[in-house]
Amino acid sequence: MRRRVTVAALALCASLAVVSCARRGGSRAAASATPAPAAQTATTPAPAHAVDGGYDLRPEERAAVDDFLRAHSDLRVATDSDHRRSDDDGIDGLYGVYHPYFVRGDANDDGILDFVIAFVRRDSDRDTPWFSVVLFAGKPNGGFEPGGFLEREISLADGDLSLDRDAIVVTPDVSEDLTRRYRWDPSKHRHVFVRDDDEETPSTPSSQI
């Protein structure tokens, strides 16, 4: 009698062990069937901001540039390091602070401060960056109009921007005398490309939009 009880007990233990193993195996199978989380993909870099240019921009200028960059995420602010300085340009000695791609002034003769800044296409090759020149016209309330393109995708790594009275001057290469000038035309309410030698019949450079 005692032997039959012992055998029955052993059989019961074996059955419980089989059920326990089956449950553990099922849990492992369920776990393995659960899809692994997808690998995190590289995110697109966030649009550049006004402060990335390294300029001492006023709050209203920063806001205007940031708004422009949100609308043109393919561009970034051009910086001093984008300029290829030659040994003979001598610009730094002429100005206390020289930024080749940023200039302030009254560009449209309305008595309100404007600014001009260059941007670089973000997918440009480092050795051959493509620049766009943008004017931000000041408003009486201290803010700025949305940025307007003067030129797009031009070569300016050896050049700079400047203001000559009411003219915006784009110099593709500071070692040469060739410049492109834009003056405010009140009748058209915009800047137009002009030549100093023939302002009556200006021709537009191919890079201008």
N, C-alpha and C. Protein backbone atom coordinates (compact mmCIF):
# COMPACT_ATOMS: atom_id res chain seq x y z
N MET A 1 0.82 -1.21 0.00
CA MET A 1 0.00 0.00 0.00
C MET A 1 0.86 1.25 0.00
N ARG A 2 1.88 1.22 0.91
CA ARG A 2 2.77 2.37 0.99
C ARG A 2 3.49 2.57 -0.32
N ARG A 3 3.87 1.49 -1.02
CA ARG A 3 4.59 1.61 -2.29
C ARG A 3 3.71 2.27 -3.34
N ARG A 4 2.38 1.92 -3.38
CA ARG A 4 1.49 2.51 -4.37
C ARG A 4 1.35 4.01 -4.12
N VAL A 5 1.29 4.42 -2.87
CA VAL A 5 1.20 5.86 -2.54
C VAL A 5 2.44 6.59 -3.01
N THR A 6 3.59 5.97 -2.76
CA THR A 6 4.85 6.59 -3.17
C THR A 6 4.92 6.76 -4.68
N VAL A 7 4.51 5.71 -5.40
CA VAL A 7 4.52 5.78 -6.87
C VAL A 7 3.57 6.85 -7.36
N ALA A 8 2.39 6.94 -6.74
CA ALA A 8 1.41 7.96 -7.14
C ALA A 8 1.94 9.36 -6.90
N ALA A 9 2.64 9.52 -5.76
CA ALA A 9 3.21 10.84 -5.44
C ALA A 9 4.27 11.22 -6.45
N LEU A 10 5.11 10.26 -6.83
CA LEU A 10 6.16 10.54 -7.81
C LEU A 10 5.54 10.91 -9.15
N ALA A 11 4.49 10.22 -9.52
CA ALA A 11 3.83 10.51 -10.80
C ALA A 11 3.24 11.92 -10.79
N LEU A 12 2.61 12.30 -9.65
CA LEU A 12 2.03 13.64 -9.53
C LEU A 12 3.11 14.71 -9.64
N CYS A 13 4.26 14.51 -8.98
CA CYS A 13 5.37 15.48 -9.05
C CYS A 13 5.87 15.62 -10.47
N ALA A 14 5.98 14.50 -11.18
CA ALA A 14 6.47 14.55 -12.56
C ALA A 14 5.50 15.34 -13.43
N SER A 15 4.19 15.14 -13.20
CA SER A 15 3.19 15.87 -13.99
C SER A 15 3.28 17.37 -13.74
N LEU A 16 3.42 17.75 -12.47
CA LEU A 16 3.55 19.18 -12.13
C LEU A 16 4.79 19.78 -12.76
N ALA A 17 5.89 19.02 -12.78
CA ALA A 17 7.13 19.52 -13.38
C ALA A 17 6.96 19.76 -14.86
N VAL A 18 6.25 18.83 -15.53
CA VAL A 18 6.02 18.98 -16.97
C VAL A 18 5.20 20.23 -17.24
N VAL A 19 4.12 20.45 -16.43
CA VAL A 19 3.27 21.64 -16.62
C VAL A 19 4.05 22.91 -16.39
N SER A 20 4.89 22.93 -15.34
CA SER A 20 5.70 24.12 -15.03
C SER A 20 6.65 24.43 -16.16
N CYS A 21 7.30 23.40 -16.69
CA CYS A 21 8.23 23.62 -17.80
C CYS A 21 7.48 24.14 -19.02
N ALA A 22 6.31 23.59 -19.27
CA ALA A 22 5.54 24.04 -20.43
C ALA A 22 5.18 25.50 -20.30
N ARG A 23 4.79 25.89 -19.07
CA ARG A 23 4.44 27.30 -18.86
C ARG A 23 5.64 28.21 -19.08
N ARG A 24 6.81 27.80 -18.51
CA ARG A 24 8.01 28.62 -18.68
C ARG A 24 8.40 28.69 -20.14
N GLY A 25 8.30 27.59 -20.86
CA GLY A 25 8.63 27.58 -22.27
C GLY A 25 7.71 28.46 -23.06
N GLY A 26 6.38 28.41 -22.68
CA GLY A 26 5.43 29.27 -23.38
C GLY A 26 5.73 30.73 -23.15
N SER A 27 6.14 31.09 -21.93
CA SER A 27 6.47 32.49 -21.65
C SER A 27 7.65 32.94 -22.48
N ARG A 28 8.66 32.03 -22.57
CA ARG A 28 9.83 32.40 -23.38
C ARG A 28 9.45 32.56 -24.84
N ALA A 29 8.57 31.67 -25.33
CA ALA A 29 8.15 31.76 -26.72
C ALA A 29 7.39 33.04 -26.97
N ALA A 30 6.52 33.40 -26.00
CA ALA A 30 5.75 34.65 -26.16
C ALA A 30 6.68 35.84 -26.16
N ALA A 31 7.68 35.78 -25.27
CA ALA A 31 8.63 36.89 -25.21
C ALA A 31 9.39 37.03 -26.50
N SER A 32 9.80 35.85 -27.06
CA SER A 32 10.56 35.91 -28.30
C SER A 32 9.70 36.36 -29.46
N ALA A 33 8.38 36.12 -29.36
CA ALA A 33 7.49 36.53 -30.44
C ALA A 33 7.21 38.02 -30.42
N THR A 34 7.43 38.67 -29.27
CA THR A 34 7.20 40.11 -29.17
C THR A 34 8.21 40.84 -30.04
N PRO A 35 7.78 41.66 -30.97
CA PRO A 35 8.73 42.34 -31.86
C PRO A 35 9.65 43.28 -31.09
N ALA A 36 10.91 43.24 -31.44
CA ALA A 36 11.88 44.13 -30.79
C ALA A 36 11.59 45.56 -31.22
N PRO A 37 11.83 46.52 -30.31
CA PRO A 37 11.59 47.91 -30.70
C PRO A 37 12.46 48.29 -31.89
N ALA A 38 11.88 49.07 -32.77
CA ALA A 38 12.63 49.48 -33.97
C ALA A 38 13.84 50.29 -33.58
N ALA A 39 14.92 50.10 -34.32
CA ALA A 39 16.13 50.86 -34.05
C ALA A 39 15.86 52.34 -34.28
N GLN A 40 16.40 53.17 -33.40
CA GLN A 40 16.18 54.60 -33.51
C GLN A 40 16.94 55.14 -34.71
N THR A 41 16.21 55.80 -35.57
CA THR A 41 16.84 56.35 -36.77
C THR A 41 17.39 57.73 -36.49
N ALA A 42 18.38 58.08 -37.27
CA ALA A 42 18.98 59.40 -37.11
C ALA A 42 17.96 60.47 -37.49
N THR A 43 17.84 61.47 -36.65
CA THR A 43 16.88 62.53 -36.92
C THR A 43 17.51 63.60 -37.80
N THR A 44 16.65 64.29 -38.55
CA THR A 44 17.14 65.39 -39.37
C THR A 44 17.60 66.52 -38.48
N PRO A 45 18.76 67.09 -38.72
CA PRO A 45 19.23 68.18 -37.87
C PRO A 45 18.22 69.31 -37.82
N ALA A 46 18.07 69.87 -36.63
CA ALA A 46 17.13 70.98 -36.47
C ALA A 46 17.63 72.19 -37.27
N PRO A 47 16.68 73.01 -37.73
CA PRO A 47 17.11 74.19 -38.48
C PRO A 47 18.07 75.05 -37.68
N ALA A 48 19.03 75.65 -38.36
CA ALA A 48 19.97 76.52 -37.69
C ALA A 48 19.24 77.74 -37.14
N HIS A 49 19.85 78.39 -36.17
CA HIS A 49 19.24 79.56 -35.55
C HIS A 49 20.12 80.79 -35.77
N ALA A 50 19.55 81.95 -35.51
CA ALA A 50 20.26 83.20 -35.72
C ALA A 50 21.56 83.25 -34.91
N VAL A 51 21.52 82.73 -33.70
CA VAL A 51 22.69 82.82 -32.84
C VAL A 51 23.85 82.00 -33.37
N ASP A 52 23.57 81.04 -34.27
CA ASP A 52 24.64 80.20 -34.81
C ASP A 52 25.61 80.99 -35.67
N GLY A 53 25.21 82.18 -36.11
CA GLY A 53 26.10 82.99 -36.94
C GLY A 53 27.22 83.66 -36.17
N GLY A 54 27.04 83.77 -34.86
CA GLY A 54 28.08 84.40 -34.05
C GLY A 54 28.03 85.92 -34.06
N TYR A 55 26.94 86.49 -34.59
CA TYR A 55 26.81 87.94 -34.65
C TYR A 55 26.13 88.47 -33.38
N ASP A 56 26.40 89.72 -33.08
CA ASP A 56 25.77 90.37 -31.94
C ASP A 56 24.43 90.95 -32.39
N LEU A 57 23.49 90.06 -32.65
CA LEU A 57 22.20 90.48 -33.16
C LEU A 57 21.31 90.98 -32.02
N ARG A 58 20.50 91.99 -32.33
CA ARG A 58 19.51 92.47 -31.39
C ARG A 58 18.33 91.50 -31.37
N PRO A 59 17.53 91.55 -30.29
CA PRO A 59 16.42 90.58 -30.19
C PRO A 59 15.50 90.58 -31.40
N GLU A 60 15.16 91.78 -31.93
CA GLU A 60 14.29 91.85 -33.09
C GLU A 60 14.95 91.26 -34.33
N GLU A 61 16.26 91.43 -34.46
CA GLU A 61 16.99 90.85 -35.58
C GLU A 61 17.02 89.33 -35.48
N ARG A 62 17.28 88.83 -34.27
CA ARG A 62 17.28 87.37 -34.07
C ARG A 62 15.92 86.77 -34.41
N ALA A 63 14.86 87.44 -33.97
CA ALA A 63 13.52 86.92 -34.24
C ALA A 63 13.24 86.88 -35.75
N ALA A 64 13.67 87.93 -36.47
CA ALA A 64 13.44 87.98 -37.92
C ALA A 64 14.22 86.88 -38.63
N VAL A 65 15.46 86.64 -38.23
CA VAL A 65 16.28 85.61 -38.86
C VAL A 65 15.73 84.22 -38.54
N ASP A 66 15.31 84.00 -37.30
CA ASP A 66 14.76 82.70 -36.94
C ASP A 66 13.48 82.41 -37.71
N ASP A 67 12.63 83.42 -37.89
CA ASP A 67 11.42 83.23 -38.69
C ASP A 67 11.78 82.85 -40.13
N PHE A 68 12.80 83.52 -40.66
CA PHE A 68 13.23 83.23 -42.02
C PHE A 68 13.75 81.80 -42.13
N LEU A 69 14.52 81.35 -41.16
CA LEU A 69 15.09 80.00 -41.20
C LEU A 69 14.01 78.93 -41.05
N ARG A 70 12.97 79.22 -40.31
CA ARG A 70 11.87 78.26 -40.20
C ARG A 70 11.18 78.08 -41.56
N ALA A 71 11.16 79.15 -42.34
CA ALA A 71 10.54 79.06 -43.67
C ALA A 71 11.49 78.53 -44.73
N HIS A 72 12.80 78.54 -44.43
CA HIS A 72 13.81 78.09 -45.39
C HIS A 72 14.79 77.17 -44.65
N SER A 73 14.32 75.98 -44.31
CA SER A 73 15.12 75.06 -43.51
C SER A 73 16.32 74.50 -44.27
N ASP A 74 16.40 74.75 -45.57
CA ASP A 74 17.55 74.29 -46.34
C ASP A 74 18.74 75.23 -46.21
N LEU A 75 18.57 76.33 -45.48
CA LEU A 75 19.63 77.32 -45.34
C LEU A 75 20.09 77.41 -43.89
N ARG A 76 21.30 77.90 -43.73
CA ARG A 76 21.84 78.25 -42.42
C ARG A 76 22.48 79.63 -42.51
N VAL A 77 22.73 80.25 -41.37
CA VAL A 77 23.35 81.56 -41.36
C VAL A 77 24.81 81.43 -41.78
N ALA A 78 25.25 82.28 -42.68
CA ALA A 78 26.66 82.30 -43.06
C ALA A 78 27.48 82.88 -41.91
N THR A 79 28.63 82.32 -41.67
CA THR A 79 29.49 82.77 -40.58
C THR A 79 30.82 83.30 -41.12
N ASP A 80 31.57 83.95 -40.24
CA ASP A 80 32.88 84.47 -40.64
C ASP A 80 33.79 83.36 -41.16
N SER A 81 33.62 82.15 -40.62
CA SER A 81 34.49 81.04 -41.04
C SER A 81 34.19 80.56 -42.44
N ASP A 82 33.06 80.98 -43.02
CA ASP A 82 32.76 80.63 -44.41
C ASP A 82 33.56 81.46 -45.40
N HIS A 83 34.21 82.51 -44.90
CA HIS A 83 34.95 83.41 -45.78
C HIS A 83 36.40 82.96 -45.90
N ARG A 84 36.87 82.84 -47.14
CA ARG A 84 38.26 82.48 -47.37
C ARG A 84 39.08 83.77 -47.46
N ARG A 85 39.76 84.09 -46.40
CA ARG A 85 40.57 85.30 -46.39
C ARG A 85 41.89 85.05 -47.09
N SER A 86 42.26 85.99 -47.94
CA SER A 86 43.57 85.91 -48.59
C SER A 86 44.55 86.77 -47.80
N ASP A 87 45.83 86.56 -48.06
CA ASP A 87 46.85 87.29 -47.32
C ASP A 87 46.89 88.76 -47.67
N ASP A 88 46.32 89.13 -48.83
CA ASP A 88 46.44 90.51 -49.27
C ASP A 88 45.13 91.29 -49.26
N ASP A 89 44.05 90.73 -48.67
CA ASP A 89 42.80 91.50 -48.71
C ASP A 89 42.84 92.66 -47.73
N GLY A 90 43.50 92.51 -46.57
CA GLY A 90 43.71 93.63 -45.66
C GLY A 90 42.45 94.22 -45.06
N ILE A 91 41.35 93.52 -45.09
CA ILE A 91 40.08 94.09 -44.63
C ILE A 91 40.09 94.26 -43.12
N ASP A 92 40.63 93.29 -42.40
CA ASP A 92 40.59 93.37 -40.94
C ASP A 92 41.28 94.62 -40.41
N GLY A 93 42.28 95.08 -41.13
CA GLY A 93 42.98 96.28 -40.69
C GLY A 93 42.21 97.57 -40.95
N LEU A 94 41.21 97.52 -41.81
CA LEU A 94 40.43 98.71 -42.15
C LEU A 94 39.26 98.92 -41.20
N TYR A 95 38.73 97.85 -40.62
CA TYR A 95 37.56 97.94 -39.78
C TYR A 95 37.85 97.34 -38.41
N GLY A 96 37.27 97.96 -37.38
CA GLY A 96 37.44 97.42 -36.04
C GLY A 96 36.77 96.07 -35.91
N VAL A 97 35.56 95.96 -36.41
CA VAL A 97 34.82 94.70 -36.43
C VAL A 97 34.38 94.45 -37.87
N TYR A 98 34.76 93.33 -38.39
CA TYR A 98 34.46 93.02 -39.79
C TYR A 98 33.76 91.68 -39.87
N HIS A 99 32.53 91.71 -40.36
CA HIS A 99 31.79 90.50 -40.66
C HIS A 99 31.48 90.52 -42.15
N PRO A 100 32.04 89.62 -42.91
CA PRO A 100 31.84 89.67 -44.37
C PRO A 100 30.40 89.45 -44.81
N TYR A 101 29.59 88.81 -43.96
CA TYR A 101 28.25 88.43 -44.40
C TYR A 101 27.12 89.06 -43.59
N PHE A 102 27.42 90.12 -42.90
CA PHE A 102 26.39 90.81 -42.11
C PHE A 102 26.70 92.30 -42.06
N VAL A 103 25.69 93.12 -42.37
CA VAL A 103 25.88 94.57 -42.33
C VAL A 103 24.56 95.24 -42.01
N ARG A 104 24.63 96.33 -41.21
CA ARG A 104 23.46 97.13 -40.88
C ARG A 104 23.53 98.48 -41.57
N GLY A 105 22.37 99.08 -41.78
CA GLY A 105 22.31 100.42 -42.35
C GLY A 105 20.92 100.72 -42.87
N ASP A 106 20.72 101.98 -43.28
CA ASP A 106 19.44 102.38 -43.87
C ASP A 106 19.53 102.14 -45.37
N ALA A 107 19.02 101.01 -45.80
CA ALA A 107 19.19 100.60 -47.20
C ALA A 107 18.12 101.15 -48.13
N ASN A 108 17.07 101.77 -47.57
CA ASN A 108 15.98 102.26 -48.43
C ASN A 108 15.58 103.71 -48.14
N ASP A 109 16.45 104.44 -47.46
CA ASP A 109 16.26 105.88 -47.23
C ASP A 109 14.96 106.23 -46.50
N ASP A 110 14.52 105.38 -45.60
CA ASP A 110 13.32 105.72 -44.83
C ASP A 110 13.63 106.10 -43.40
N GLY A 111 14.94 106.19 -43.07
CA GLY A 111 15.34 106.59 -41.73
C GLY A 111 15.26 105.49 -40.70
N ILE A 112 14.99 104.26 -41.13
CA ILE A 112 14.88 103.12 -40.22
C ILE A 112 15.99 102.12 -40.53
N LEU A 113 16.59 101.59 -39.50
CA LEU A 113 17.72 100.68 -39.67
C LEU A 113 17.28 99.35 -40.27
N ASP A 114 17.98 98.93 -41.31
CA ASP A 114 17.78 97.62 -41.95
C ASP A 114 19.04 96.78 -41.72
N PHE A 115 18.99 95.53 -42.12
CA PHE A 115 20.22 94.74 -42.13
C PHE A 115 20.19 93.74 -43.27
N VAL A 116 21.39 93.41 -43.74
CA VAL A 116 21.57 92.45 -44.82
C VAL A 116 22.45 91.33 -44.28
N ILE A 117 22.06 90.10 -44.57
CA ILE A 117 22.82 88.95 -44.07
C ILE A 117 22.82 87.87 -45.14
N ALA A 118 23.88 87.10 -45.17
CA ALA A 118 23.98 85.99 -46.13
C ALA A 118 23.68 84.67 -45.44
N PHE A 119 23.14 83.77 -46.22
CA PHE A 119 22.86 82.41 -45.77
C PHE A 119 23.58 81.44 -46.70
N VAL A 120 23.82 80.24 -46.19
CA VAL A 120 24.50 79.19 -46.97
C VAL A 120 23.58 77.99 -47.09
N ARG A 121 23.52 77.42 -48.28
CA ARG A 121 22.74 76.20 -48.47
C ARG A 121 23.36 75.08 -47.65
N ARG A 122 22.57 74.43 -46.86
CA ARG A 122 23.08 73.48 -45.88
C ARG A 122 23.70 72.24 -46.50
N ASP A 123 23.32 71.90 -47.72
CA ASP A 123 23.89 70.72 -48.35
C ASP A 123 25.08 71.08 -49.24
N SER A 124 25.59 72.31 -49.11
CA SER A 124 26.74 72.73 -49.91
C SER A 124 28.00 71.99 -49.49
N ASP A 125 28.88 71.81 -50.44
CA ASP A 125 30.21 71.30 -50.14
C ASP A 125 30.98 72.38 -49.39
N ARG A 126 31.75 71.96 -48.41
CA ARG A 126 32.50 72.92 -47.59
C ARG A 126 33.43 73.79 -48.43
N ASP A 127 34.02 73.22 -49.47
CA ASP A 127 34.97 73.96 -50.29
C ASP A 127 34.28 74.89 -51.28
N THR A 128 33.02 74.62 -51.61
CA THR A 128 32.30 75.46 -52.57
C THR A 128 30.89 75.74 -52.05
N PRO A 129 30.79 76.53 -50.98
CA PRO A 129 29.45 76.82 -50.44
C PRO A 129 28.66 77.75 -51.36
N TRP A 130 27.35 77.59 -51.36
CA TRP A 130 26.48 78.44 -52.14
C TRP A 130 25.72 79.38 -51.21
N PHE A 131 25.84 80.67 -51.49
CA PHE A 131 25.29 81.71 -50.62
C PHE A 131 24.02 82.31 -51.22
N SER A 132 23.18 82.81 -50.33
CA SER A 132 22.04 83.65 -50.71
C SER A 132 22.10 84.92 -49.88
N VAL A 133 21.80 86.04 -50.50
CA VAL A 133 21.86 87.34 -49.84
C VAL A 133 20.43 87.81 -49.57
N VAL A 134 20.15 88.17 -48.32
CA VAL A 134 18.78 88.48 -47.91
C VAL A 134 18.75 89.83 -47.18
N LEU A 135 17.77 90.64 -47.54
CA LEU A 135 17.56 91.94 -46.90
C LEU A 135 16.40 91.86 -45.93
N PHE A 136 16.60 92.39 -44.72
CA PHE A 136 15.54 92.53 -43.73
C PHE A 136 15.30 94.03 -43.52
N ALA A 137 14.18 94.51 -44.04
CA ALA A 137 13.86 95.93 -43.95
C ALA A 137 13.22 96.23 -42.60
N GLY A 138 13.70 97.29 -41.96
CA GLY A 138 13.17 97.66 -40.65
C GLY A 138 11.78 98.26 -40.73
N LYS A 139 11.01 98.05 -39.67
CA LYS A 139 9.66 98.61 -39.57
C LYS A 139 9.64 99.67 -38.47
N PRO A 140 8.70 100.61 -38.53
CA PRO A 140 8.64 101.68 -37.51
C PRO A 140 8.50 101.17 -36.08
N ASN A 141 7.90 100.00 -35.91
CA ASN A 141 7.70 99.47 -34.56
C ASN A 141 8.93 98.78 -33.99
N GLY A 142 10.03 98.77 -34.73
CA GLY A 142 11.26 98.14 -34.25
C GLY A 142 11.49 96.75 -34.78
N GLY A 143 10.47 96.15 -35.38
CA GLY A 143 10.64 94.83 -35.96
C GLY A 143 11.13 94.91 -37.40
N PHE A 144 11.00 93.80 -38.11
CA PHE A 144 11.51 93.74 -39.48
C PHE A 144 10.51 93.03 -40.39
N GLU A 145 10.52 93.46 -41.64
CA GLU A 145 9.73 92.77 -42.66
C GLU A 145 10.34 91.38 -42.88
N PRO A 146 9.54 90.43 -43.39
CA PRO A 146 10.12 89.12 -43.73
C PRO A 146 11.29 89.29 -44.69
N GLY A 147 12.31 88.49 -44.51
CA GLY A 147 13.50 88.60 -45.35
C GLY A 147 13.21 88.41 -46.82
N GLY A 148 13.81 89.27 -47.64
CA GLY A 148 13.64 89.17 -49.08
C GLY A 148 14.96 88.89 -49.78
N PHE A 149 14.95 87.94 -50.69
CA PHE A 149 16.17 87.57 -51.39
C PHE A 149 16.60 88.68 -52.36
N LEU A 150 17.88 89.02 -52.32
CA LEU A 150 18.50 89.85 -53.36
C LEU A 150 19.16 88.96 -54.40
N GLU A 151 19.87 87.94 -53.94
CA GLU A 151 20.50 86.98 -54.84
C GLU A 151 20.44 85.60 -54.18
N ARG A 152 20.41 84.58 -55.04
CA ARG A 152 20.37 83.21 -54.53
C ARG A 152 21.49 82.38 -55.15
N GLU A 153 22.03 81.50 -54.30
CA GLU A 153 23.01 80.49 -54.72
C GLU A 153 24.12 81.09 -55.57
N ILE A 154 24.85 81.98 -54.96
CA ILE A 154 25.99 82.63 -55.62
C ILE A 154 27.27 82.22 -54.92
N SER A 155 28.38 82.45 -55.58
CA SER A 155 29.69 82.22 -54.98
C SER A 155 30.11 83.48 -54.22
N LEU A 156 30.34 83.34 -52.92
CA LEU A 156 30.69 84.51 -52.11
C LEU A 156 31.74 84.18 -51.05
N ALA A 157 32.36 83.01 -51.18
CA ALA A 157 33.35 82.61 -50.19
C ALA A 157 34.56 83.55 -50.16
N ASP A 158 34.85 84.18 -51.29
CA ASP A 158 35.98 85.13 -51.36
C ASP A 158 35.50 86.57 -51.32
N GLY A 159 34.21 86.78 -51.09
CA GLY A 159 33.66 88.12 -51.15
C GLY A 159 33.03 88.57 -49.85
N ASP A 160 32.21 89.63 -49.96
CA ASP A 160 31.53 90.13 -48.77
C ASP A 160 30.34 91.01 -49.16
N LEU A 161 29.66 91.52 -48.14
CA LEU A 161 28.53 92.42 -48.31
C LEU A 161 28.86 93.75 -47.66
N SER A 162 28.31 94.83 -48.21
CA SER A 162 28.51 96.14 -47.60
C SER A 162 27.38 97.07 -48.01
N LEU A 163 27.29 98.22 -47.35
CA LEU A 163 26.32 99.26 -47.68
C LEU A 163 27.08 100.52 -48.05
N ASP A 164 26.75 101.10 -49.20
CA ASP A 164 27.35 102.35 -49.66
C ASP A 164 26.22 103.36 -49.81
N ARG A 165 26.04 104.17 -48.76
CA ARG A 165 24.88 105.08 -48.69
C ARG A 165 23.59 104.28 -48.82
N ASP A 166 22.86 104.43 -49.92
CA ASP A 166 21.60 103.70 -50.05
C ASP A 166 21.74 102.47 -50.94
N ALA A 167 22.96 102.04 -51.21
CA ALA A 167 23.18 100.89 -52.09
C ALA A 167 23.70 99.69 -51.29
N ILE A 168 23.12 98.54 -51.58
CA ILE A 168 23.64 97.28 -51.04
C ILE A 168 24.64 96.76 -52.04
N VAL A 169 25.85 96.50 -51.58
CA VAL A 169 26.94 96.11 -52.47
C VAL A 169 27.32 94.65 -52.22
N VAL A 170 27.25 93.86 -53.25
CA VAL A 170 27.67 92.46 -53.19
C VAL A 170 28.99 92.35 -53.95
N THR A 171 30.04 91.97 -53.25
CA THR A 171 31.36 91.83 -53.85
C THR A 171 31.73 90.35 -53.90
N PRO A 172 31.71 89.73 -55.06
CA PRO A 172 32.00 88.29 -55.13
C PRO A 172 33.41 87.93 -54.69
N ASP A 173 34.37 88.85 -54.91
CA ASP A 173 35.76 88.59 -54.55
C ASP A 173 36.38 89.91 -54.11
N VAL A 174 36.78 90.00 -52.84
CA VAL A 174 37.29 91.26 -52.30
C VAL A 174 38.65 91.63 -52.91
N SER A 175 39.32 90.71 -53.57
CA SER A 175 40.60 91.02 -54.19
C SER A 175 40.42 91.63 -55.58
N GLU A 176 39.17 91.70 -56.05
CA GLU A 176 38.87 92.29 -57.35
C GLU A 176 37.94 93.49 -57.17
N ASP A 177 37.85 94.32 -58.19
CA ASP A 177 37.03 95.52 -58.12
C ASP A 177 35.59 95.31 -58.58
N LEU A 178 35.25 94.15 -59.03
CA LEU A 178 33.92 93.90 -59.55
C LEU A 178 32.91 93.78 -58.40
N THR A 179 31.84 94.55 -58.50
CA THR A 179 30.78 94.50 -57.50
C THR A 179 29.42 94.50 -58.19
N ARG A 180 28.40 94.12 -57.42
CA ARG A 180 27.02 94.24 -57.87
C ARG A 180 26.29 95.10 -56.86
N ARG A 181 25.57 96.11 -57.36
CA ARG A 181 24.94 97.09 -56.48
C ARG A 181 23.42 97.06 -56.65
N TYR A 182 22.75 97.20 -55.52
CA TYR A 182 21.29 97.23 -55.50
C TYR A 182 20.84 98.51 -54.79
N ARG A 183 20.06 99.32 -55.51
CA ARG A 183 19.54 100.56 -54.93
C ARG A 183 18.03 100.49 -54.81
N TRP A 184 17.53 101.22 -53.81
CA TRP A 184 16.10 101.25 -53.56
C TRP A 184 15.41 102.06 -54.65
N ASP A 185 14.38 101.48 -55.25
CA ASP A 185 13.59 102.17 -56.27
C ASP A 185 12.21 102.46 -55.68
N PRO A 186 11.94 103.74 -55.30
CA PRO A 186 10.64 104.05 -54.66
C PRO A 186 9.45 103.72 -55.56
N SER A 187 9.60 103.88 -56.87
CA SER A 187 8.47 103.62 -57.76
C SER A 187 8.11 102.14 -57.80
N LYS A 188 9.11 101.27 -57.66
CA LYS A 188 8.87 99.83 -57.66
C LYS A 188 8.77 99.25 -56.25
N HIS A 189 9.11 100.08 -55.28
CA HIS A 189 9.07 99.68 -53.87
C HIS A 189 9.92 98.43 -53.61
N ARG A 190 11.09 98.41 -54.22
CA ARG A 190 12.02 97.31 -54.00
C ARG A 190 13.40 97.72 -54.47
N HIS A 191 14.39 96.93 -54.10
CA HIS A 191 15.75 97.17 -54.56
C HIS A 191 15.93 96.61 -55.98
N VAL A 192 16.63 97.36 -56.80
CA VAL A 192 16.89 96.92 -58.17
C VAL A 192 18.39 96.93 -58.41
N PHE A 193 18.81 96.05 -59.29
CA PHE A 193 20.23 95.97 -59.66
C PHE A 193 20.58 97.13 -60.58
N VAL A 194 21.68 97.82 -60.28
CA VAL A 194 22.11 98.96 -61.09
C VAL A 194 23.61 98.90 -61.34
N ARG A 195 24.01 99.61 -62.42
CA ARG A 195 25.43 99.83 -62.69
C ARG A 195 25.74 101.28 -62.41
N ASP A 196 26.91 101.54 -61.86
CA ASP A 196 27.31 102.92 -61.61
C ASP A 196 27.46 103.71 -62.89
N ASP A 197 27.88 103.04 -63.97
CA ASP A 197 28.14 103.76 -65.22
C ASP A 197 26.88 103.95 -66.06
N ASP A 198 25.80 103.22 -65.72
CA ASP A 198 24.58 103.33 -66.52
C ASP A 198 23.38 102.92 -65.68
N GLU A 199 22.91 103.81 -64.82
CA GLU A 199 21.82 103.50 -63.93
C GLU A 199 20.48 103.54 -64.63
N GLU A 200 20.43 104.09 -65.84
CA GLU A 200 19.15 104.19 -66.55
C GLU A 200 18.74 102.86 -67.17
N THR A 201 19.72 102.05 -67.54
CA THR A 201 19.40 100.79 -68.20
C THR A 201 20.12 99.63 -67.49
N PRO A 202 19.70 99.34 -66.24
CA PRO A 202 20.36 98.26 -65.52
C PRO A 202 20.02 96.90 -66.09
N SER A 203 20.94 95.98 -65.96
CA SER A 203 20.67 94.60 -66.34
C SER A 203 20.78 93.73 -65.10
N THR A 204 19.99 92.72 -65.03
CA THR A 204 19.92 91.87 -63.85
C THR A 204 20.87 90.71 -63.99
N PRO A 205 21.71 90.46 -62.95
CA PRO A 205 22.61 89.31 -63.02
C PRO A 205 21.82 88.02 -63.04
N SER A 206 22.40 87.00 -63.63
CA SER A 206 21.69 85.73 -63.81
C SER A 206 21.35 85.08 -62.50
N SER A 207 22.08 85.42 -61.42
CA SER A 207 21.83 84.77 -60.15
C SER A 207 20.67 85.40 -59.38
N GLN A 208 20.21 86.58 -59.81
CA GLN A 208 19.15 87.23 -59.07
C GLN A 208 17.81 86.58 -59.36
N ILE A 209 16.98 86.51 -58.33
CA ILE A 209 15.63 85.96 -58.48
C ILE A 209 14.70 87.08 -58.93
